[in-house]
Amino acid sequence: MAKADTRMQLKFSYLDRQFANPSPFFKELRELVRSGEFTLGPYVEKFEAKFARYIGVKHVIGTNTGTDALILSLKAAGVKPGDEVITVANTFYATVGAIVVAGAKPVFVDCDERSQIDVRQIPSAITPRTRAILPVHWAGCPADIESIIDIARKRKLAVIEDACQATGAKVGRQFVGTFGVVNAFSMHPLKPLNVWGDGGMIVTNDDRIASWLRLYRNHGLVDRDHVQFWGVNSRIQPFQAIIGARLLDDMENLIRIRLRNARLLDRLLADLKEFVSTPPRPRRYREVYTIYLARVKRRDELFRYLNDRGVEAKIHYPIPLHLQNAAAGLKYKLGDFPEAEQQAGEVITLPSHQYITEKQLHYMAGLIRKFYGRGRNAQ
């Protein structure tokens, strides 16, 4: 008789479970349909105000994607063709794509051992053409934003935070995405705060910037008959604002579970330092673990091993941006950013979201221990 398959399934995506019962959303969605308020309007305004209260800022401007939130933030900060914007070489493509769309030249620096922008390398990357620094709170972990703000203040540069993966993350008591002059968040389906489809937000305490952004994301329209300047259509949809507003009520509980899971996984892997290392976790930083990163030996073999046994591990990302075809014109080469390059060959992403159970975490850690010849999982 064939042996029963006792493998667990640890999915990277949790959306089928998060929205297994969509009924609680339908009451407001029906009200939206009856109202006909399908473009901006009270539902968007309610969500923007709610998120502003949560994160502690004056202005939130909803956009249709996190990428557009980055593009509009750069433009609002005065970035223009011919400028340079400093960012990190191991970020997601949208960070750099936004800089290019704004007309500026991306200038890379390496990442540090936490996979965040290496602040020590920023001063040497600054030139007379530098207009802004665009740090990324990669994987939901805060970059050293306080040091970045200090560098920018001394050089009279703008700071625009890419907080697309870091909704809810903090440095001390302050949320990331509130340090820079204008900052971008994403509500892509697998971000901590998500909506049904893509969505983004721009955060600022600057009244002038907020006023410009509200016009620019809506064609530059003052009203339906008067265009103040040429803008774009980058509006968040009211039905998405309803989803985001409801999920915001559970945001802190979601983060609490993610923190609990990540800390347990850290402990379960702690005695595998010869094979597995996790980034340093500064005590003042609250991570939200949008993705749980670890650097591992024989990464590609472990990746296949886990996926063959029901653990949907991922790789973020095997090719750093300066080595992508899209970056050829920037004239970077292999060896320019050794930390990012090394991490690209070692980093694996493990599922640890709010729907992963303690039993599943033990199962996954046990597989990793077995792969490296360390027997059963530590209890």
Protein backbone atom coordinates (compact mmCIF):
# COMPACT_ATOMS: atom_id res chain seq x y z
CA MET A 1 0.00 0.00 0.00
CA ALA A 2 1.36 3.46 -0.91
CA LYS A 3 2.33 5.72 1.97
CA ALA A 4 0.07 8.68 2.61
CA ASP A 5 1.56 12.06 1.73
CA THR A 6 1.99 13.84 5.08
CA ARG A 7 3.49 17.02 3.67
CA MET A 8 2.03 20.34 4.71
CA GLN A 9 1.31 23.07 2.22
CA LEU A 10 2.74 26.51 3.09
CA LYS A 11 1.52 28.94 0.46
CA PHE A 12 3.28 32.23 -0.13
CA SER A 13 0.00 33.97 -0.98
CA TYR A 14 -2.71 34.17 1.66
CA LEU A 15 -5.35 36.13 -0.25
CA ASP A 16 -7.73 33.20 -0.61
CA ARG A 17 -7.84 32.97 3.19
CA GLN A 18 -7.90 36.69 3.88
CA PHE A 19 -10.95 37.13 1.67
CA ALA A 20 -12.53 33.71 2.13
CA ASN A 21 -15.63 35.49 3.45
CA PRO A 22 -16.12 38.67 1.43
CA SER A 23 -19.60 39.30 2.85
CA PRO A 24 -18.50 41.97 5.40
CA PHE A 25 -17.32 44.16 2.51
CA PHE A 26 -20.50 43.88 0.49
CA LYS A 27 -22.70 46.20 2.55
CA GLU A 28 -20.53 49.24 1.80
CA LEU A 29 -19.91 48.10 -1.76
CA ARG A 30 -23.67 47.98 -2.34
CA GLU A 31 -23.96 51.47 -0.86
CA LEU A 32 -21.23 52.60 -3.26
CA VAL A 33 -23.14 51.17 -6.20
CA ARG A 34 -26.32 52.95 -5.11
CA SER A 35 -24.44 56.24 -4.65
CA GLY A 36 -22.80 56.24 -8.07
CA GLU A 37 -19.65 57.77 -6.51
CA PHE A 38 -17.29 55.79 -8.73
CA THR A 39 -14.56 58.44 -9.12
CA LEU A 40 -12.86 59.90 -6.02
CA GLY A 41 -15.63 61.16 -3.72
CA PRO A 42 -16.53 60.43 -0.07
CA TYR A 43 -15.29 56.82 0.11
CA VAL A 44 -11.81 57.82 -1.04
CA GLU A 45 -11.80 60.83 1.28
CA LYS A 46 -12.83 58.64 4.24
CA PHE A 47 -10.03 56.16 3.57
CA GLU A 48 -7.39 58.86 3.08
CA ALA A 49 -8.39 60.54 6.36
CA LYS A 50 -8.39 57.21 8.20
CA PHE A 51 -4.92 56.29 7.00
CA ALA A 52 -3.65 59.78 7.83
CA ARG A 53 -4.86 59.34 11.42
CA TYR A 54 -3.30 55.89 11.65
CA ILE A 55 0.12 56.94 10.45
CA GLY A 56 0.09 60.43 11.96
CA VAL A 57 0.36 62.78 8.98
CA LYS A 58 -1.61 65.70 7.59
CA HIS A 59 -2.20 64.47 4.05
CA VAL A 60 -2.78 61.16 2.28
CA ILE A 61 -3.39 61.07 -1.46
CA GLY A 62 -4.63 57.77 -2.88
CA THR A 63 -3.27 56.60 -6.26
CA ASN A 64 -3.96 53.67 -8.53
CA THR A 65 -0.61 51.92 -7.85
CA GLY A 66 2.43 52.13 -5.60
CA THR A 67 4.50 52.78 -8.72
CA ASP A 68 2.45 55.86 -9.51
CA ALA A 69 2.79 56.91 -5.87
CA LEU A 70 6.57 56.86 -6.38
CA ILE A 71 6.44 58.71 -9.70
CA LEU A 72 4.13 61.42 -8.39
CA SER A 73 6.17 61.77 -5.18
CA LEU A 74 9.34 62.35 -7.18
CA LYS A 75 7.63 64.95 -9.35
CA ALA A 76 6.09 66.65 -6.34
CA ALA A 77 9.53 66.92 -4.73
CA GLY A 78 10.79 68.80 -7.78
CA VAL A 79 12.75 66.00 -9.47
CA LYS A 80 13.11 66.83 -13.15
CA PRO A 81 15.06 65.74 -16.26
CA GLY A 82 18.80 66.06 -15.75
CA ASP A 83 18.61 65.43 -11.99
CA GLU A 84 20.10 62.43 -10.21
CA VAL A 85 18.34 60.39 -7.53
CA ILE A 86 20.29 58.08 -5.23
CA THR A 87 18.76 54.70 -4.38
CA VAL A 88 19.82 51.15 -3.56
CA ALA A 89 20.83 48.44 -6.03
CA ASN A 90 18.74 45.60 -4.58
CA THR A 91 15.27 47.10 -4.67
CA PHE A 92 12.23 46.12 -6.74
CA TYR A 93 12.19 47.38 -10.32
CA ALA A 94 9.47 49.98 -9.72
CA THR A 95 11.74 52.13 -7.55
CA VAL A 96 14.16 52.74 -10.39
CA GLY A 97 11.49 52.77 -13.07
CA ALA A 98 9.81 55.65 -11.23
CA ILE A 99 13.06 57.65 -11.19
CA VAL A 100 13.46 57.14 -14.94
CA VAL A 101 9.83 58.07 -15.68
CA ALA A 102 10.35 61.28 -13.68
CA GLY A 103 13.17 62.08 -16.12
CA ALA A 104 16.04 61.66 -13.67
CA LYS A 105 19.09 59.40 -13.62
CA PRO A 106 19.15 56.65 -10.96
CA VAL A 107 22.43 56.46 -9.05
CA PHE A 108 22.93 53.23 -7.13
CA VAL A 109 24.68 52.51 -3.86
CA ASP A 110 25.13 49.10 -2.29
CA CYS A 111 22.98 47.54 0.41
CA ASP A 112 24.13 46.63 3.92
CA GLU A 113 23.86 43.35 5.82
CA ARG A 114 20.20 44.14 6.60
CA SER A 115 19.46 44.38 2.85
CA GLN A 116 18.82 48.12 3.29
CA ILE A 117 20.60 51.02 1.62
CA ASP A 118 24.15 51.36 2.98
CA VAL A 119 24.05 54.85 4.45
CA ARG A 120 27.86 55.01 4.63
CA GLN A 121 28.03 55.01 0.83
CA ILE A 122 25.51 57.78 0.19
CA PRO A 123 27.83 60.81 0.63
CA SER A 124 30.28 59.60 -2.02
CA ALA A 125 27.40 59.13 -4.49
CA ILE A 126 26.25 62.75 -4.19
CA THR A 127 27.14 65.04 -7.12
CA PRO A 128 26.12 68.59 -8.07
CA ARG A 129 23.20 67.02 -10.00
CA THR A 130 21.81 65.07 -7.05
CA ARG A 131 18.29 66.22 -6.29
CA ALA A 132 16.99 63.55 -3.93
CA ILE A 133 17.69 60.39 -1.97
CA LEU A 134 15.16 57.59 -2.37
CA PRO A 135 15.68 55.01 0.39
CA VAL A 136 13.70 51.78 0.25
CA HIS A 137 12.33 50.09 3.37
CA TRP A 138 12.99 46.77 1.73
CA ALA A 139 10.97 43.69 2.77
CA GLY A 140 9.12 45.74 5.40
CA CYS A 141 12.28 46.54 7.37
CA PRO A 142 13.10 50.19 8.08
CA ALA A 143 16.20 51.61 6.46
CA ASP A 144 18.41 53.86 8.61
CA ILE A 145 16.11 56.73 7.77
CA GLU A 146 17.27 59.03 10.57
CA SER A 147 20.85 59.03 9.24
CA ILE A 148 19.57 59.54 5.71
CA ILE A 149 17.53 62.56 6.78
CA ASP A 150 20.62 63.98 8.49
CA ILE A 151 22.73 63.58 5.32
CA ALA A 152 20.01 65.11 3.15
CA ARG A 153 19.50 68.08 5.47
CA LYS A 154 23.19 68.95 5.40
CA ARG A 155 23.28 68.71 1.58
CA LYS A 156 19.89 70.36 1.04
CA LEU A 157 18.47 67.30 -0.72
CA ALA A 158 14.93 65.95 -0.70
CA VAL A 159 14.19 62.56 0.87
CA ILE A 160 11.42 60.52 -0.73
CA GLU A 161 10.76 57.24 1.07
CA ASP A 162 9.84 54.12 -0.85
CA ALA A 163 7.69 52.62 1.91
CA CYS A 164 5.77 50.45 -0.57
CA GLN A 165 6.58 47.28 1.36
CA ALA A 166 6.54 48.79 4.83
CA THR A 167 3.07 49.94 5.82
CA GLY A 168 3.04 49.81 9.63
CA ALA A 169 6.82 49.62 10.13
CA LYS A 170 8.35 52.03 12.64
CA VAL A 171 11.57 53.59 13.83
CA GLY A 172 11.01 54.19 17.51
CA ARG A 173 7.46 55.51 17.70
CA GLN A 174 7.42 57.06 14.23
CA PHE A 175 6.06 55.25 11.21
CA VAL A 176 8.33 54.91 8.21
CA GLY A 177 6.98 56.85 5.29
CA THR A 178 6.60 59.96 7.48
CA PHE A 179 10.23 61.11 7.62
CA GLY A 180 10.69 62.32 4.04
CA VAL A 181 9.10 65.35 2.45
CA VAL A 182 6.79 63.14 0.38
CA ASN A 183 6.60 59.36 0.50
CA ALA A 184 5.04 56.41 -1.31
CA PHE A 185 3.15 53.31 -0.16
CA SER A 186 1.77 50.37 -2.10
CA MET A 187 -1.40 48.38 -1.51
CA HIS A 188 -0.57 45.64 -3.99
CA PRO A 189 -2.35 42.40 -2.98
CA LEU A 190 0.63 40.97 -1.04
CA LYS A 191 1.48 44.13 0.87
CA PRO A 192 0.54 44.37 4.59
CA LEU A 193 -2.36 46.71 3.78
CA ASN A 194 -3.88 45.57 0.53
CA VAL A 195 -6.87 46.16 -1.68
CA TRP A 196 -8.59 44.17 -4.42
CA GLY A 197 -6.03 44.86 -7.13
CA ASP A 198 -3.29 47.45 -7.23
CA GLY A 199 -3.43 50.61 -5.16
CA GLY A 200 -1.08 53.22 -3.73
CA MET A 201 -0.85 56.14 -1.34
CA ILE A 202 1.27 59.26 -1.07
CA VAL A 203 1.94 60.72 2.36
CA THR A 204 3.11 64.26 3.15
CA ASN A 205 2.87 66.99 5.77
CA ASP A 206 3.49 69.68 3.15
CA ASP A 207 0.27 71.56 2.29
CA ARG A 208 1.57 72.85 -1.03
CA ILE A 209 2.74 69.42 -2.18
CA ALA A 210 -0.56 67.83 -1.13
CA SER A 211 -2.57 70.43 -3.04
CA TRP A 212 -0.47 69.87 -6.18
CA LEU A 213 -0.77 66.09 -5.91
CA ARG A 214 -4.54 66.13 -5.58
CA LEU A 215 -4.77 68.11 -8.78
CA TYR A 216 -2.06 66.22 -10.67
CA ARG A 217 -3.51 62.73 -9.99
CA ASN A 218 -6.83 63.97 -11.45
CA HIS A 219 -5.74 65.48 -14.76
CA GLY A 220 -4.91 68.83 -13.12
CA LEU A 221 -8.62 69.55 -12.79
CA VAL A 222 -9.77 72.21 -10.35
CA ASP A 223 -13.34 71.27 -11.29
CA ARG A 224 -14.82 69.52 -14.31
CA ASP A 225 -14.48 72.65 -16.46
CA HIS A 226 -11.11 74.11 -15.39
CA VAL A 227 -7.63 72.58 -15.80
CA GLN A 228 -4.95 74.25 -13.67
CA PHE A 229 -2.08 72.36 -15.35
CA TRP A 230 -1.60 69.16 -17.35
CA GLY A 231 -1.88 66.16 -15.08
CA VAL A 232 -2.58 62.44 -15.27
CA ASN A 233 -5.28 59.99 -14.22
CA SER A 234 -3.82 58.19 -11.21
CA ARG A 235 -6.82 57.93 -8.92
CA ILE A 236 -7.44 55.18 -6.41
CA GLN A 237 -10.82 53.55 -7.01
CA PRO A 238 -13.58 54.07 -4.41
CA PHE A 239 -14.28 50.34 -4.08
CA GLN A 240 -10.59 49.84 -3.21
CA ALA A 241 -10.79 52.62 -0.65
CA ILE A 242 -13.62 50.68 1.02
CA ILE A 243 -11.50 47.52 1.18
CA GLY A 244 -8.47 49.41 2.51
CA ALA A 245 -10.49 51.25 5.16
CA ARG A 246 -11.92 48.00 6.52
CA LEU A 247 -8.58 46.19 6.57
CA LEU A 248 -6.95 49.13 8.32
CA ASP A 249 -9.02 48.28 11.42
CA ASP A 250 -7.09 45.00 11.76
CA MET A 251 -3.68 46.39 10.83
CA GLU A 252 -2.06 46.25 14.26
CA ASN A 253 -3.31 42.72 14.90
CA LEU A 254 -1.96 41.60 11.53
CA ILE A 255 1.45 43.09 12.34
CA ARG A 256 1.43 41.46 15.77
CA ILE A 257 0.94 38.01 14.23
CA ARG A 258 3.60 38.59 11.59
CA LEU A 259 6.06 39.67 14.30
CA ARG A 260 5.24 36.60 16.38
CA ASN A 261 5.76 34.28 13.42
CA ALA A 262 9.00 35.93 12.35
CA ARG A 263 10.43 35.80 15.86
CA LEU A 264 9.56 32.14 16.18
CA LEU A 265 11.19 31.40 12.83
CA ASP A 266 14.29 33.35 13.92
CA ARG A 267 14.51 31.13 17.02
CA LEU A 268 13.95 27.90 15.10
CA LEU A 269 16.79 28.74 12.72
CA ALA A 270 19.12 30.32 15.29
CA ASP A 271 21.45 27.34 15.70
CA LEU A 272 21.95 26.92 11.95
CA LYS A 273 24.27 29.93 11.69
CA GLU A 274 26.75 27.88 9.68
CA PHE A 275 24.13 27.59 6.94
CA VAL A 276 21.39 30.18 7.58
CA SER A 277 21.66 33.80 8.66
CA THR A 278 18.90 36.33 9.23
CA PRO A 279 19.44 40.11 9.11
CA PRO A 280 20.22 42.00 12.32
CA ARG A 281 17.02 43.25 13.98
CA PRO A 282 17.64 46.68 15.59
CA ARG A 283 15.50 46.95 18.71
CA ARG A 284 14.14 50.40 17.83
CA TYR A 285 12.89 49.17 14.46
CA ARG A 286 9.48 47.54 14.06
CA GLU A 287 9.55 45.39 10.96
CA VAL A 288 6.37 44.17 9.31
CA TYR A 289 7.89 41.23 7.44
CA THR A 290 6.21 41.81 4.13
CA ILE A 291 8.72 39.18 3.11
CA TYR A 292 10.87 37.14 5.50
CA LEU A 293 14.41 37.07 4.15
CA ALA A 294 17.24 34.73 5.09
CA ARG A 295 20.67 34.23 3.56
CA VAL A 296 21.41 30.55 3.07
CA LYS A 297 24.08 28.23 1.74
CA ARG A 298 23.17 26.29 -1.41
CA ARG A 299 20.22 28.60 -1.89
CA ASP A 300 18.94 27.24 -5.18
CA GLU A 301 19.08 23.65 -3.93
CA LEU A 302 17.21 24.59 -0.74
CA PHE A 303 14.65 26.50 -2.80
CA ARG A 304 13.85 23.41 -4.87
CA TYR A 305 13.91 21.16 -1.80
CA LEU A 306 11.34 23.26 0.06
CA ASN A 307 9.04 23.74 -2.90
CA ASP A 308 9.11 20.01 -3.65
CA ARG A 309 7.87 19.42 -0.11
CA GLY A 310 5.00 21.89 -0.06
CA VAL A 311 6.78 25.04 1.18
CA GLU A 312 6.30 27.81 -1.38
CA ALA A 313 9.60 29.63 -0.90
CA LYS A 314 10.53 32.49 -3.25
CA ILE A 315 13.65 34.32 -4.38
CA HIS A 316 13.70 38.15 -4.19
CA TYR A 317 15.65 38.71 -6.51
CA PRO A 318 18.33 36.69 -8.30
CA ILE A 319 19.65 39.57 -10.45
CA PRO A 320 20.38 42.95 -8.83
CA LEU A 321 19.17 45.99 -10.72
CA HIS A 322 22.54 47.29 -11.89
CA LEU A 323 23.05 44.02 -13.83
CA GLN A 324 19.64 44.06 -15.52
CA ASN A 325 19.40 44.82 -19.25
CA ALA A 326 17.30 47.88 -18.45
CA ALA A 327 20.27 49.38 -16.57
CA ALA A 328 22.81 48.89 -19.36
CA GLY A 329 22.92 52.59 -20.13
CA LEU A 330 24.01 53.38 -16.57
CA LYS A 331 27.36 51.63 -17.24
CA TYR A 332 27.49 49.63 -14.03
CA LYS A 333 29.27 46.26 -14.05
CA LEU A 334 29.64 43.08 -12.05
CA GLY A 335 31.55 43.86 -8.86
CA ASP A 336 30.31 47.43 -8.45
CA PHE A 337 27.94 46.52 -5.59
CA PRO A 338 29.35 43.33 -4.06
CA GLU A 339 26.94 43.08 -1.12
CA ALA A 340 23.87 43.28 -3.34
CA GLU A 341 25.43 40.79 -5.74
CA GLN A 342 26.26 38.32 -2.98
CA GLN A 343 22.80 38.60 -1.44
CA ALA A 344 21.23 38.01 -4.86
CA GLY A 345 22.82 34.55 -4.81
CA GLU A 346 22.00 33.75 -1.18
CA VAL A 347 18.67 35.28 -0.17
CA ILE A 348 15.59 33.09 0.08
CA THR A 349 12.11 34.25 1.10
CA LEU A 350 10.13 32.02 3.46
CA PRO A 351 6.35 32.21 4.07
CA SER A 352 5.65 33.62 7.55
CA HIS A 353 2.54 35.73 7.01
CA GLN A 354 -0.42 36.01 9.37
CA TYR A 355 -2.07 32.82 8.09
CA ILE A 356 0.94 30.58 8.70
CA THR A 357 0.54 28.53 11.87
CA GLU A 358 3.11 27.65 14.52
CA LYS A 359 2.87 24.01 13.43
CA GLN A 360 3.65 25.00 9.85
CA LEU A 361 6.64 27.07 10.96
CA HIS A 362 8.01 24.06 12.84
CA TYR A 363 7.46 21.91 9.76
CA MET A 364 9.32 24.37 7.53
CA ALA A 365 12.20 24.78 9.97
CA GLY A 366 12.39 21.02 10.30
CA LEU A 367 12.77 20.68 6.54
CA ILE A 368 15.55 23.26 6.53
CA ARG A 369 17.33 21.41 9.35
CA LYS A 370 16.99 18.13 7.49
CA PHE A 371 18.35 19.68 4.30
CA TYR A 372 21.49 20.76 6.15
CA GLY A 373 21.82 17.44 7.94
CA ARG A 374 20.74 18.69 11.35
CA GLY A 375 17.96 16.18 11.95
CA ARG A 376 14.68 17.01 13.62
CA ASN A 377 13.55 20.54 14.29
CA ALA A 378 14.49 22.09 17.66
CA GLN A 379 11.43 22.46 19.89
